[in-house]
Full PDB file with SEQRES, HELIX, SHEET, SSBOND, CRYST1, ORIGX, SCALE, CONECT and MASTER records, all heavy atoms in Angstrom:
SEQRES   1 A   42  LEU GLN LYS THR LYS GLU ALA LEU LEU SER SER ASP ARG          
SEQRES   2 A   42  ASN LEU ARG LEU ALA ASN ASP LYS ALA ASP LYS LEU THR          
SEQRES   3 A   42  ILE LYS LYS LEU THR TYR GLY ASN PRO THR MET LYS ARG          
SEQRES   4 A   42  LYS PHE ASP                                                  
HELIX    1 AA1 GLN A    2  LYS A   24  1                                  23    
HELIX    2 AA2 ILE A   27  THR A   31  1                                   5    
HELIX    3 AA3 PRO A   35  PHE A   41  1                                   7    
CRYST1    1.000    1.000    1.000  90.00  90.00  90.00 P 1           1          
ORIGX1      1.000000  0.000000  0.000000        0.00000                         
ORIGX2      0.000000  1.000000  0.000000        0.00000                         
ORIGX3      0.000000  0.000000  1.000000        0.00000                         
SCALE1      1.000000  0.000000  0.000000        0.00000                         
SCALE2      0.000000  1.000000  0.000000        0.00000                         
SCALE3      0.000000  0.000000  1.000000        0.00000                         
ATOM      1  N   LEU A   1     124.536 107.087  77.651  1.00  0.00           N  
ATOM      2  CA  LEU A   1     123.313 107.491  76.959  1.00  0.00           C  
ATOM      3  C   LEU A   1     122.188 106.515  77.211  1.00  0.00           C  
ATOM      4  O   LEU A   1     121.022 106.903  77.348  1.00  0.00           O  
ATOM      5  CB  LEU A   1     123.584 107.619  75.463  1.00  0.00           C  
ATOM      6  CG  LEU A   1     124.500 108.775  75.036  1.00  0.00           C  
ATOM      7  CD1 LEU A   1     124.838 108.672  73.559  1.00  0.00           C  
ATOM      8  CD2 LEU A   1     123.871 110.124  75.343  1.00  0.00           C  
ATOM      9  N   GLN A   2     122.511 105.217  77.284  1.00  0.00           N  
ATOM     10  CA  GLN A   2     121.490 104.217  77.560  1.00  0.00           C  
ATOM     11  C   GLN A   2     120.912 104.399  78.962  1.00  0.00           C  
ATOM     12  O   GLN A   2     119.699 104.302  79.171  1.00  0.00           O  
ATOM     13  CB  GLN A   2     122.091 102.800  77.422  1.00  0.00           C  
ATOM     14  CG  GLN A   2     121.057 101.684  77.458  1.00  0.00           C  
ATOM     15  CD  GLN A   2     120.124 101.712  76.277  1.00  0.00           C  
ATOM     16  OE1 GLN A   2     120.528 102.029  75.170  1.00  0.00           O  
ATOM     17  NE2 GLN A   2     118.864 101.419  76.526  1.00  0.00           N  
ATOM     18  N   LYS A   3     121.810 104.692  79.934  1.00  0.00           N  
ATOM     19  CA  LYS A   3     121.349 104.937  81.299  1.00  0.00           C  
ATOM     20  C   LYS A   3     120.492 106.200  81.365  1.00  0.00           C  
ATOM     21  O   LYS A   3     119.503 106.249  82.102  1.00  0.00           O  
ATOM     22  CB  LYS A   3     122.553 105.058  82.238  1.00  0.00           C  
ATOM     23  CG  LYS A   3     123.284 103.741  82.451  1.00  0.00           C  
ATOM     24  CD  LYS A   3     124.479 103.936  83.384  1.00  0.00           C  
ATOM     25  CE  LYS A   3     125.225 102.615  83.599  1.00  0.00           C  
ATOM     26  NZ  LYS A   3     126.412 102.816  84.496  1.00  0.00           N  
ATOM     27  N   THR A   4     120.885 107.232  80.615  1.00  0.00           N  
ATOM     28  CA  THR A   4     120.095 108.463  80.576  1.00  0.00           C  
ATOM     29  C   THR A   4     118.704 108.213  80.025  1.00  0.00           C  
ATOM     30  O   THR A   4     117.706 108.709  80.533  1.00  0.00           O  
ATOM     31  CB  THR A   4     120.809 109.520  79.724  1.00  0.00           C  
ATOM     32  OG1 THR A   4     122.118 109.761  80.242  1.00  0.00           O  
ATOM     33  CG2 THR A   4     120.023 110.833  79.711  1.00  0.00           C  
ATOM     34  N   LYS A   5     118.626 107.396  78.976  1.00  0.00           N  
ATOM     35  CA  LYS A   5     117.332 107.044  78.396  1.00  0.00           C  
ATOM     36  C   LYS A   5     116.462 106.309  79.414  1.00  0.00           C  
ATOM     37  O   LYS A   5     115.283 106.621  79.585  1.00  0.00           O  
ATOM     38  CB  LYS A   5     117.545 106.178  77.160  1.00  0.00           C  
ATOM     39  CG  LYS A   5     116.252 105.656  76.547  1.00  0.00           C  
ATOM     40  CD  LYS A   5     116.540 104.695  75.404  1.00  0.00           C  
ATOM     41  CE  LYS A   5     115.226 104.090  74.882  1.00  0.00           C  
ATOM     42  NZ  LYS A   5     115.522 103.089  73.798  1.00  0.00           N  
ATOM     43  N   GLU A   6     117.068 105.335  80.105  1.00  0.00           N  
ATOM     44  CA  GLU A   6     116.319 104.581  81.115  1.00  0.00           C  
ATOM     45  C   GLU A   6     115.842 105.478  82.249  1.00  0.00           C  
ATOM     46  O   GLU A   6     114.730 105.325  82.759  1.00  0.00           O  
ATOM     47  CB  GLU A   6     117.191 103.449  81.657  1.00  0.00           C  
ATOM     48  CG  GLU A   6     117.497 102.371  80.618  1.00  0.00           C  
ATOM     49  CD  GLU A   6     118.491 101.338  81.127  1.00  0.00           C  
ATOM     50  OE1 GLU A   6     118.982 101.489  82.269  1.00  0.00           O  
ATOM     51  OE2 GLU A   6     118.788 100.383  80.378  1.00  0.00           O  
ATOM     52  N   ALA A   7     116.689 106.440  82.655  1.00  0.00           N  
ATOM     53  CA  ALA A   7     116.296 107.376  83.718  1.00  0.00           C  
ATOM     54  C   ALA A   7     115.121 108.243  83.288  1.00  0.00           C  
ATOM     55  O   ALA A   7     114.210 108.506  84.064  1.00  0.00           O  
ATOM     56  CB  ALA A   7     117.489 108.252  84.115  1.00  0.00           C  
ATOM     57  N   LEU A   8     115.114 108.703  82.038  1.00  0.00           N  
ATOM     58  CA  LEU A   8     114.016 109.518  81.525  1.00  0.00           C  
ATOM     59  C   LEU A   8     112.717 108.720  81.470  1.00  0.00           C  
ATOM     60  O   LEU A   8     111.646 109.221  81.805  1.00  0.00           O  
ATOM     61  CB  LEU A   8     114.359 110.062  80.151  1.00  0.00           C  
ATOM     62  CG  LEU A   8     115.431 111.164  80.119  1.00  0.00           C  
ATOM     63  CD1 LEU A   8     115.839 111.470  78.691  1.00  0.00           C  
ATOM     64  CD2 LEU A   8     114.935 112.420  80.798  1.00  0.00           C  
ATOM     65  N   LEU A   9     112.819 107.460  81.008  1.00  0.00           N  
ATOM     66  CA  LEU A   9     111.626 106.612  80.972  1.00  0.00           C  
ATOM     67  C   LEU A   9     111.086 106.367  82.376  1.00  0.00           C  
ATOM     68  O   LEU A   9     109.878 106.378  82.603  1.00  0.00           O  
ATOM     69  CB  LEU A   9     111.958 105.287  80.285  1.00  0.00           C  
ATOM     70  CG  LEU A   9     112.254 105.369  78.786  1.00  0.00           C  
ATOM     71  CD1 LEU A   9     112.706 104.014  78.269  1.00  0.00           C  
ATOM     72  CD2 LEU A   9     111.036 105.839  78.013  1.00  0.00           C  
ATOM     73  N   SER A  10     112.002 106.142  83.340  1.00  0.00           N  
ATOM     74  CA  SER A  10     111.585 105.932  84.722  1.00  0.00           C  
ATOM     75  C   SER A  10     110.945 107.187  85.291  1.00  0.00           C  
ATOM     76  O   SER A  10     109.956 107.118  86.020  1.00  0.00           O  
ATOM     77  CB  SER A  10     112.786 105.513  85.566  1.00  0.00           C  
ATOM     78  OG  SER A  10     112.447 105.372  86.921  1.00  0.00           O  
ATOM     79  N   SER A  11     111.505 108.378  84.974  1.00  0.00           N  
ATOM     80  CA  SER A  11     110.927 109.636  85.424  1.00  0.00           C  
ATOM     81  C   SER A  11     109.521 109.828  84.892  1.00  0.00           C  
ATOM     82  O   SER A  11     108.632 110.282  85.598  1.00  0.00           O  
ATOM     83  CB  SER A  11     111.825 110.801  84.994  1.00  0.00           C  
ATOM     84  OG  SER A  11     111.246 112.031  85.329  1.00  0.00           O  
ATOM     85  N   ASP A  12     109.297 109.463  83.619  1.00  0.00           N  
ATOM     86  CA  ASP A  12     107.964 109.600  83.024  1.00  0.00           C  
ATOM     87  C   ASP A  12     106.960 108.697  83.731  1.00  0.00           C  
ATOM     88  O   ASP A  12     105.838 109.094  84.012  1.00  0.00           O  
ATOM     89  CB  ASP A  12     108.032 109.260  81.534  1.00  0.00           C  
ATOM     90  CG  ASP A  12     106.704 109.463  80.840  1.00  0.00           C  
ATOM     91  OD1 ASP A  12     106.210 110.575  80.809  1.00  0.00           O  
ATOM     92  OD2 ASP A  12     106.165 108.472  80.364  1.00  0.00           O  
ATOM     93  N   ARG A  13     107.391 107.452  84.048  1.00  0.00           N  
ATOM     94  CA  ARG A  13     106.497 106.540  84.760  1.00  0.00           C  
ATOM     95  C   ARG A  13     106.145 107.071  86.151  1.00  0.00           C  
ATOM     96  O   ARG A  13     104.993 107.012  86.594  1.00  0.00           O  
ATOM     97  CB  ARG A  13     107.146 105.162  84.872  1.00  0.00           C  
ATOM     98  CG  ARG A  13     107.212 104.403  83.547  1.00  0.00           C  
ATOM     99  CD  ARG A  13     107.586 102.950  83.766  1.00  0.00           C  
ATOM    100  NE  ARG A  13     108.909 102.805  84.278  1.00  0.00           N  
ATOM    101  CZ  ARG A  13     110.016 102.681  83.521  1.00  0.00           C  
ATOM    102  NH1 ARG A  13     109.908 102.640  82.207  1.00  0.00           N  
ATOM    103  NH2 ARG A  13     111.193 102.538  84.074  1.00  0.00           N  
ATOM    104  N   ASN A  14     107.144 107.620  86.855  1.00  0.00           N  
ATOM    105  CA  ASN A  14     106.892 108.174  88.188  1.00  0.00           C  
ATOM    106  C   ASN A  14     105.963 109.382  88.135  1.00  0.00           C  
ATOM    107  O   ASN A  14     105.142 109.591  89.023  1.00  0.00           O  
ATOM    108  CB  ASN A  14     108.220 108.549  88.851  1.00  0.00           C  
ATOM    109  CG  ASN A  14     109.042 107.343  89.247  1.00  0.00           C  
ATOM    110  OD1 ASN A  14     108.468 106.306  89.590  1.00  0.00           O  
ATOM    111  ND2 ASN A  14     110.359 107.454  89.207  1.00  0.00           N  
ATOM    112  N   LEU A  15     106.101 110.207  87.075  1.00  0.00           N  
ATOM    113  CA  LEU A  15     105.206 111.351  86.919  1.00  0.00           C  
ATOM    114  C   LEU A  15     103.759 110.903  86.723  1.00  0.00           C  
ATOM    115  O   LEU A  15     102.832 111.489  87.269  1.00  0.00           O  
ATOM    116  CB  LEU A  15     105.655 112.208  85.741  1.00  0.00           C  
ATOM    117  CG  LEU A  15     106.876 113.111  85.981  1.00  0.00           C  
ATOM    118  CD1 LEU A  15     107.315 113.765  84.688  1.00  0.00           C  
ATOM    119  CD2 LEU A  15     106.554 114.163  87.028  1.00  0.00           C  
ATOM    120  N   ARG A  16     103.585 109.859  85.919  1.00  0.00           N  
ATOM    121  CA  ARG A  16     102.230 109.355  85.721  1.00  0.00           C  
ATOM    122  C   ARG A  16     101.649 108.799  87.016  1.00  0.00           C  
ATOM    123  O   ARG A  16     100.478 109.020  87.334  1.00  0.00           O  
ATOM    124  CB  ARG A  16     102.231 108.282  84.635  1.00  0.00           C  
ATOM    125  CG  ARG A  16     102.416 108.844  83.226  1.00  0.00           C  
ATOM    126  CD  ARG A  16     102.001 107.819  82.177  1.00  0.00           C  
ATOM    127  NE  ARG A  16     102.815 106.646  82.215  1.00  0.00           N  
ATOM    128  CZ  ARG A  16     103.940 106.481  81.507  1.00  0.00           C  
ATOM    129  NH1 ARG A  16     104.331 107.420  80.677  1.00  0.00           N  
ATOM    130  NH2 ARG A  16     104.634 105.373  81.600  1.00  0.00           N  
ATOM    131  N   LEU A  17     102.458 108.075  87.795  1.00  0.00           N  
ATOM    132  CA  LEU A  17     101.993 107.546  89.074  1.00  0.00           C  
ATOM    133  C   LEU A  17     101.637 108.672  90.038  1.00  0.00           C  
ATOM    134  O   LEU A  17     100.624 108.621  90.740  1.00  0.00           O  
ATOM    135  CB  LEU A  17     103.060 106.632  89.687  1.00  0.00           C  
ATOM    136  CG  LEU A  17     103.326 105.310  88.974  1.00  0.00           C  
ATOM    137  CD1 LEU A  17     104.516 104.597  89.596  1.00  0.00           C  
ATOM    138  CD2 LEU A  17     102.085 104.416  89.045  1.00  0.00           C  
ATOM    139  N   ALA A  18     102.493 109.710  90.086  1.00  0.00           N  
ATOM    140  CA  ALA A  18     102.220 110.848  90.952  1.00  0.00           C  
ATOM    141  C   ALA A  18     100.939 111.563  90.550  1.00  0.00           C  
ATOM    142  O   ALA A  18     100.152 111.987  91.385  1.00  0.00           O  
ATOM    143  CB  ALA A  18     103.411 111.822  90.932  1.00  0.00           C  
ATOM    144  N   ASN A  19     100.712 111.694  89.227  1.00  0.00           N  
ATOM    145  CA  ASN A  19      99.496 112.328  88.722  1.00  0.00           C  
ATOM    146  C   ASN A  19      98.257 111.519  89.096  1.00  0.00           C  
ATOM    147  O   ASN A  19      97.225 112.075  89.480  1.00  0.00           O  
ATOM    148  CB  ASN A  19      99.585 112.505  87.209  1.00  0.00           C  
ATOM    149  CG  ASN A  19      98.441 113.330  86.651  1.00  0.00           C  
ATOM    150  OD1 ASN A  19      98.193 114.443  87.070  1.00  0.00           O  
ATOM    151  ND2 ASN A  19      97.757 112.752  85.710  1.00  0.00           N  
ATOM    152  N   ASP A  20      98.360 110.185  88.992  1.00  0.00           N  
ATOM    153  CA  ASP A  20      97.231 109.331  89.378  1.00  0.00           C  
ATOM    154  C   ASP A  20      96.913 109.465  90.865  1.00  0.00           C  
ATOM    155  O   ASP A  20      95.753 109.521  91.278  1.00  0.00           O  
ATOM    156  CB  ASP A  20      97.540 107.871  89.038  1.00  0.00           C  
ATOM    157  CG  ASP A  20      97.622 107.635  87.543  1.00  0.00           C  
ATOM    158  OD1 ASP A  20      97.057 108.437  86.789  1.00  0.00           O  
ATOM    159  OD2 ASP A  20      98.239 106.644  87.139  1.00  0.00           O  
ATOM    160  N   LYS A  21      97.980 109.510  91.698  1.00  0.00           N  
ATOM    161  CA  LYS A  21      97.773 109.681  93.136  1.00  0.00           C  
ATOM    162  C   LYS A  21      97.141 111.033  93.447  1.00  0.00           C  
ATOM    163  O   LYS A  21      96.283 111.128  94.326  1.00  0.00           O  
ATOM    164  CB  LYS A  21      99.101 109.533  93.868  1.00  0.00           C  
ATOM    165  CG  LYS A  21      99.653 108.125  93.844  1.00  0.00           C  
ATOM    166  CD  LYS A  21     100.980 108.036  94.589  1.00  0.00           C  
ATOM    167  CE  LYS A  21     101.520 106.609  94.566  1.00  0.00           C  
ATOM    168  NZ  LYS A  21     102.840 106.524  95.274  1.00  0.00           N  
ATOM    169  N   ALA A  22      97.557 112.092  92.735  1.00  0.00           N  
ATOM    170  CA  ALA A  22      96.992 113.420  92.954  1.00  0.00           C  
ATOM    171  C   ALA A  22      95.512 113.468  92.568  1.00  0.00           C  
ATOM    172  O   ALA A  22      94.706 114.127  93.210  1.00  0.00           O  
ATOM    173  CB  ALA A  22      97.782 114.471  92.171  1.00  0.00           C  
ATOM    174  N   ASP A  23      95.143 112.751  91.469  1.00  0.00           N  
ATOM    175  CA  ASP A  23      93.751 112.712  91.046  1.00  0.00           C  
ATOM    176  C   ASP A  23      92.862 112.023  92.081  1.00  0.00           C  
ATOM    177  O   ASP A  23      91.697 112.363  92.256  1.00  0.00           O  
ATOM    178  CB  ASP A  23      93.628 112.000  89.696  1.00  0.00           C  
ATOM    179  CG  ASP A  23      94.231 112.814  88.561  1.00  0.00           C  
ATOM    180  OD1 ASP A  23      94.350 114.037  88.702  1.00  0.00           O  
ATOM    181  OD2 ASP A  23      94.554 112.204  87.538  1.00  0.00           O  
ATOM    182  N   LYS A  24      93.398 111.016  92.768  1.00  0.00           N  
ATOM    183  CA  LYS A  24      92.632 110.272  93.768  1.00  0.00           C  
ATOM    184  C   LYS A  24      92.567 111.008  95.111  1.00  0.00           C  
ATOM    185  O   LYS A  24      91.777 110.652  95.981  1.00  0.00           O  
ATOM    186  CB  LYS A  24      93.234 108.891  93.961  1.00  0.00           C  
ATOM    187  CG  LYS A  24      93.141 108.008  92.724  1.00  0.00           C  
ATOM    188  CD  LYS A  24      93.800 106.663  92.977  1.00  0.00           C  
ATOM    189  CE  LYS A  24      93.710 105.776  91.728  1.00  0.00           C  
ATOM    190  NZ  LYS A  24      94.377 104.456  91.971  1.00  0.00           N  
ATOM    191  N   LEU A  25      93.402 112.042  95.277  1.00  0.00           N  
ATOM    192  CA  LEU A  25      93.444 112.771  96.538  1.00  0.00           C  
ATOM    193  C   LEU A  25      92.287 113.755  96.634  1.00  0.00           C  
ATOM    194  O   LEU A  25      92.078 114.583  95.769  1.00  0.00           O  
ATOM    195  CB  LEU A  25      94.777 113.519  96.667  1.00  0.00           C  
ATOM    196  CG  LEU A  25      95.034 114.230  97.997  1.00  0.00           C  
ATOM    197  CD1 LEU A  25      95.137 113.244  99.136  1.00  0.00           C  
ATOM    198  CD2 LEU A  25      96.294 115.083  97.908  1.00  0.00           C  
ATOM    199  N   THR A  26      91.491 113.663  97.690  1.00  0.00           N  
ATOM    200  CA  THR A  26      90.352 114.553  97.893  1.00  0.00           C  
ATOM    201  C   THR A  26      90.426 115.164  99.291  1.00  0.00           C  
ATOM    202  O   THR A  26      91.104 114.667 100.185  1.00  0.00           O  
ATOM    203  CB  THR A  26      89.025 113.792  97.736  1.00  0.00           C  
ATOM    204  OG1 THR A  26      88.926 112.762  98.747  1.00  0.00           O  
ATOM    205  CG2 THR A  26      88.916 113.163  96.348  1.00  0.00           C  
ATOM    206  N   ILE A  27      89.687 116.280  99.470  1.00  0.00           N  
ATOM    207  CA  ILE A  27      89.638 116.946 100.765  1.00  0.00           C  
ATOM    208  C   ILE A  27      88.975 116.047 101.814  1.00  0.00           C  
ATOM    209  O   ILE A  27      89.355 116.014 102.977  1.00  0.00           O  
ATOM    210  CB  ILE A  27      88.879 118.279 100.643  1.00  0.00           C  
ATOM    211  CG1 ILE A  27      89.651 119.231  99.741  1.00  0.00           C  
ATOM    212  CG2 ILE A  27      88.667 118.908 102.010  1.00  0.00           C  
ATOM    213  CD1 ILE A  27      91.028 119.577 100.272  1.00  0.00           C  
ATOM    214  N   LYS A  28      87.973 115.289 101.352  1.00  0.00           N  
ATOM    215  CA  LYS A  28      87.283 114.396 102.271  1.00  0.00           C  
ATOM    216  C   LYS A  28      88.225 113.380 102.887  1.00  0.00           C  
ATOM    217  O   LYS A  28      88.180 113.088 104.084  1.00  0.00           O  
ATOM    218  CB  LYS A  28      86.143 113.691 101.527  1.00  0.00           C  
ATOM    219  CG  LYS A  28      85.261 112.849 102.437  1.00  0.00           C  
ATOM    220  CD  LYS A  28      84.095 112.255 101.648  1.00  0.00           C  
ATOM    221  CE  LYS A  28      83.184 111.411 102.573  1.00  0.00           C  
ATOM    222  NZ  LYS A  28      82.060 110.833 101.804  1.00  0.00           N  
ATOM    223  N   LYS A  29      89.122 112.837 102.031  1.00  0.00           N  
ATOM    224  CA  LYS A  29      90.100 111.870 102.526  1.00  0.00           C  
ATOM    225  C   LYS A  29      91.111 112.526 103.461  1.00  0.00           C  
ATOM    226  O   LYS A  29      91.535 111.929 104.443  1.00  0.00           O  
ATOM    227  CB  LYS A  29      90.823 111.216 101.350  1.00  0.00           C  
ATOM    228  CG  LYS A  29      89.940 110.286 100.540  1.00  0.00           C  
ATOM    229  CD  LYS A  29      90.733 109.633  99.417  1.00  0.00           C  
ATOM    230  CE  LYS A  29      89.858 108.673  98.608  1.00  0.00           C  
ATOM    231  NZ  LYS A  29      90.642 108.040  97.525  1.00  0.00           N  
ATOM    232  N   LEU A  30      91.499 113.761 103.126  1.00  0.00           N  
ATOM    233  CA  LEU A  30      92.509 114.437 103.919  1.00  0.00           C  
ATOM    234  C   LEU A  30      91.995 114.873 105.294  1.00  0.00           C  
ATOM    235  O   LEU A  30      92.733 114.874 106.268  1.00  0.00           O  
ATOM    236  CB  LEU A  30      93.035 115.656 103.160  1.00  0.00           C  
ATOM    237  CG  LEU A  30      93.906 115.369 101.933  1.00  0.00           C  
ATOM    238  CD1 LEU A  30      94.233 116.648 101.206  1.00  0.00           C  
ATOM    239  CD2 LEU A  30      95.184 114.653 102.337  1.00  0.00           C  
ATOM    240  N   THR A  31      90.718 115.274 105.343  1.00  0.00           N  
ATOM    241  CA  THR A  31      90.184 115.831 106.582  1.00  0.00           C  
ATOM    242  C   THR A  31      89.372 114.837 107.405  1.00  0.00           C  
ATOM    243  O   THR A  31      88.963 115.150 108.530  1.00  0.00           O  
ATOM    244  CB  THR A  31      89.309 117.040 106.260  1.00  0.00           C  
ATOM    245  OG1 THR A  31      88.222 116.655 105.396  1.00  0.00           O  
ATOM    246  CG2 THR A  31      90.109 118.135 105.588  1.00  0.00           C  
ATOM    247  N   TYR A  32      89.113 113.648 106.847  1.00  0.00           N  
ATOM    248  CA  TYR A  32      88.326 112.653 107.574  1.00  0.00           C  
ATOM    249  C   TYR A  32      89.066 112.205 108.836  1.00  0.00           C  
ATOM    250  O   TYR A  32      90.202 111.737 108.789  1.00  0.00           O  
ATOM    251  CB  TYR A  32      88.040 111.457 106.681  1.00  0.00           C  
ATOM    252  CG  TYR A  32      87.216 110.374 107.381  1.00  0.00           C  
ATOM    253  CD1 TYR A  32      85.833 110.529 107.564  1.00  0.00           C  
ATOM    254  CD2 TYR A  32      87.810 109.220 107.856  1.00  0.00           C  
ATOM    255  CE1 TYR A  32      85.095 109.562 108.207  1.00  0.00           C  
ATOM    256  CE2 TYR A  32      87.081 108.245 108.500  1.00  0.00           C  
ATOM    257  CZ  TYR A  32      85.714 108.407 108.675  1.00  0.00           C  
ATOM    258  OH  TYR A  32      84.987 107.427 109.303  1.00  0.00           O  
ATOM    259  N   GLY A  33      88.365 112.332 109.988  1.00  0.00           N  
ATOM    260  CA  GLY A  33      88.964 111.911 111.246  1.00  0.00           C  
ATOM    261  C   GLY A  33      90.097 112.802 111.701  1.00  0.00           C  
ATOM    262  O   GLY A  33      90.864 112.440 112.582  1.00  0.00           O  
ATOM    263  N   ASN A  34      90.239 113.994 111.098  1.00  0.00           N  
ATOM    264  CA  ASN A  34      91.317 114.909 111.438  1.00  0.00           C  
ATOM    265  C   ASN A  34      90.711 116.282 111.702  1.00  0.00           C  
ATOM    266  O   ASN A  34      90.685 117.149 110.837  1.00  0.00           O  
ATOM    267  CB  ASN A  34      92.347 114.963 110.308  1.00  0.00           C  
ATOM    268  CG  ASN A  34      93.631 115.661 110.739  1.00  0.00           C  
ATOM    269  OD1 ASN A  34      93.666 116.411 111.717  1.00  0.00           O  
ATOM    270  ND2 ASN A  34      94.699 115.425 109.986  1.00  0.00           N  
ATOM    271  N   PRO A  35      90.200 116.537 112.910  1.00  0.00           N  
ATOM    272  CA  PRO A  35      89.546 117.817 113.213  1.00  0.00           C  
ATOM    273  C   PRO A  35      90.497 118.994 113.128  1.00  0.00           C  
ATOM    274  O   PRO A  35      90.091 120.109 112.816  1.00  0.00           O  
ATOM    275  CB  PRO A  35      89.007 117.613 114.623  1.00  0.00           C  
ATOM    276  CG  PRO A  35      89.854 116.523 115.215  1.00  0.00           C  
ATOM    277  CD  PRO A  35      90.194 115.622 114.078  1.00  0.00           C  
ATOM    278  N   THR A  36      91.782 118.767 113.409  1.00  0.00           N  
ATOM    279  CA  THR A  36      92.761 119.858 113.332  1.00  0.00           C  
ATOM    280  C   THR A  36      92.868 120.390 111.912  1.00  0.00           C  
ATOM    281  O   THR A  36      92.846 121.608 111.685  1.00  0.00           O  
ATOM    282  CB  THR A  36      94.129 119.366 113.817  1.00  0.00           C  
ATOM    283  OG1 THR A  36      94.012 118.883 115.147  1.00  0.00           O  
ATOM    284  CG2 THR A  36      95.135 120.518 113.784  1.00  0.00           C  
ATOM    285  N   MET A  37      92.974 119.503 110.952  1.00  0.00           N  
ATOM    286  CA  MET A  37      93.066 119.916 109.551  1.00  0.00           C  
ATOM    287  C   MET A  37      91.780 120.592 109.097  1.00  0.00           C  
ATOM    288  O   MET A  37      91.799 121.607 108.404  1.00  0.00           O  
ATOM    289  CB  MET A  37      93.383 118.701 108.670  1.00  0.00           C  
ATOM    290  CG  MET A  37      93.531 119.030 107.190  1.00  0.00           C  
ATOM    291  SD  MET A  37      94.868 120.176 106.881  1.00  0.00           S  
ATOM    292  CE  MET A  37      96.216 119.167 107.313  1.00  0.00           C  
ATOM    293  N   LYS A  38      90.622 120.039 109.505  1.00  0.00           N  
ATOM    294  CA  LYS A  38      89.344 120.633 109.120  1.00  0.00           C  
ATOM    295  C   LYS A  38      89.214 122.043 109.694  1.00  0.00           C  
ATOM    296  O   LYS A  38      88.735 122.962 109.031  1.00  0.00           O  
ATOM    297  CB  LYS A  38      88.191 119.762 109.597  1.00  0.00           C  
ATOM    298  CG  LYS A  38      86.832 120.204 109.075  1.00  0.00           C  
ATOM    299  CD  LYS A  38      85.744 119.246 109.519  1.00  0.00           C  
ATOM    300  CE  LYS A  38      84.388 119.626 108.934  1.00  0.00           C  
ATOM    301  NZ  LYS A  38      83.997 121.022 109.297  1.00  0.00           N  
ATOM    302  N   ARG A  39      89.673 122.225 110.945  1.00  0.00           N  
ATOM    303  CA  ARG A  39      89.600 123.540 111.587  1.00  0.00           C  
ATOM    304  C   ARG A  39      90.470 124.555 110.864  1.00  0.00           C  
ATOM    305  O   ARG A  39      90.101 125.714 110.705  1.00  0.00           O  
ATOM    306  CB  ARG A  39      90.007 123.438 113.047  1.00  0.00           C  
ATOM    307  CG  ARG A  39      89.809 124.728 113.837  1.00  0.00           C  
ATOM    308  CD  ARG A  39      89.938 124.511 115.337  1.00  0.00           C  
ATOM    309  NE  ARG A  39      91.186 123.923 115.722  1.00  0.00           N  
ATOM    310  CZ  ARG A  39      91.327 122.633 116.097  1.00  0.00           C  
ATOM    311  NH1 ARG A  39      90.266 121.816 116.132  1.00  0.00           N  
ATOM    312  NH2 ARG A  39      92.514 122.159 116.438  1.00  0.00           N  
ATOM    313  N   LYS A  40      91.655 124.108 110.402  1.00  0.00           N  
ATOM    314  CA  LYS A  40      92.544 125.004 109.665  1.00  0.00           C  
ATOM    315  C   LYS A  40      91.909 125.458 108.346  1.00  0.00           C  
ATOM    316  O   LYS A  40      91.996 126.624 107.971  1.00  0.00           O  
ATOM    317  CB  LYS A  40      93.887 124.324 109.408  1.00  0.00           C  
ATOM    318  CG  LYS A  40      94.742 124.179 110.650  1.00  0.00           C  
ATOM    319  CD  LYS A  40      96.087 123.576 110.317  1.00  0.00           C  
ATOM    320  CE  LYS A  40      96.949 123.468 111.566  1.00  0.00           C  
ATOM    321  NZ  LYS A  40      98.285 122.893 111.254  1.00  0.00           N  
ATOM    322  N   PHE A  41      91.282 124.521 107.666  1.00  0.00           N  
ATOM    323  CA  PHE A  41      90.615 124.880 106.420  1.00  0.00           C  
ATOM    324  C   PHE A  41      89.440 125.829 106.675  1.00  0.00           C  
ATOM    325  O   PHE A  41      89.207 126.778 105.905  1.00  0.00           O  
ATOM    326  CB  PHE A  41      90.113 123.625 105.693  1.00  0.00           C  
ATOM    327  CG  PHE A  41      91.169 122.934 104.906  1.00  0.00           C  
ATOM    328  CD1 PHE A  41      91.574 121.647 105.229  1.00  0.00           C  
ATOM    329  CD2 PHE A  41      91.778 123.559 103.836  1.00  0.00           C  
ATOM    330  CE1 PHE A  41      92.548 121.009 104.512  1.00  0.00           C  
ATOM    331  CE2 PHE A  41      92.753 122.915 103.108  1.00  0.00           C  
ATOM    332  CZ  PHE A  41      93.146 121.637 103.445  1.00  0.00           C  
ATOM    333  N   ASP A  42      88.695 125.601 107.769  1.00  0.00           N  
ATOM    334  CA  ASP A  42      87.580 126.488 108.120  1.00  0.00           C  
ATOM    335  C   ASP A  42      88.078 127.897 108.443  1.00  0.00           C  
ATOM    336  O   ASP A  42      87.487 128.892 108.017  1.00  0.00           O  
ATOM    337  CB  ASP A  42      86.813 125.915 109.302  1.00  0.00           C  
ATOM    338  CG  ASP A  42      86.064 124.633 108.947  1.00  0.00           C  
ATOM    339  OD1 ASP A  42      85.820 124.405 107.736  1.00  0.00           O  
ATOM    340  OD2 ASP A  42      85.729 123.850 109.873  1.00  0.00           O  
TER     341      ASP A  42                                                      
MASTER        0    0    0    3    0    0    0    6  340    1    0    4          
END                                                                             
């Protein structure tokens, strides 16, 4: 049960980190210097 609790707490921390990374992700960053990706979006 203690290990399960620690795993849940770790999962919550990883979710917050993933959410922060998603918030910082923009199209400009993804397509900058990448004409192939920009062409696909166009």
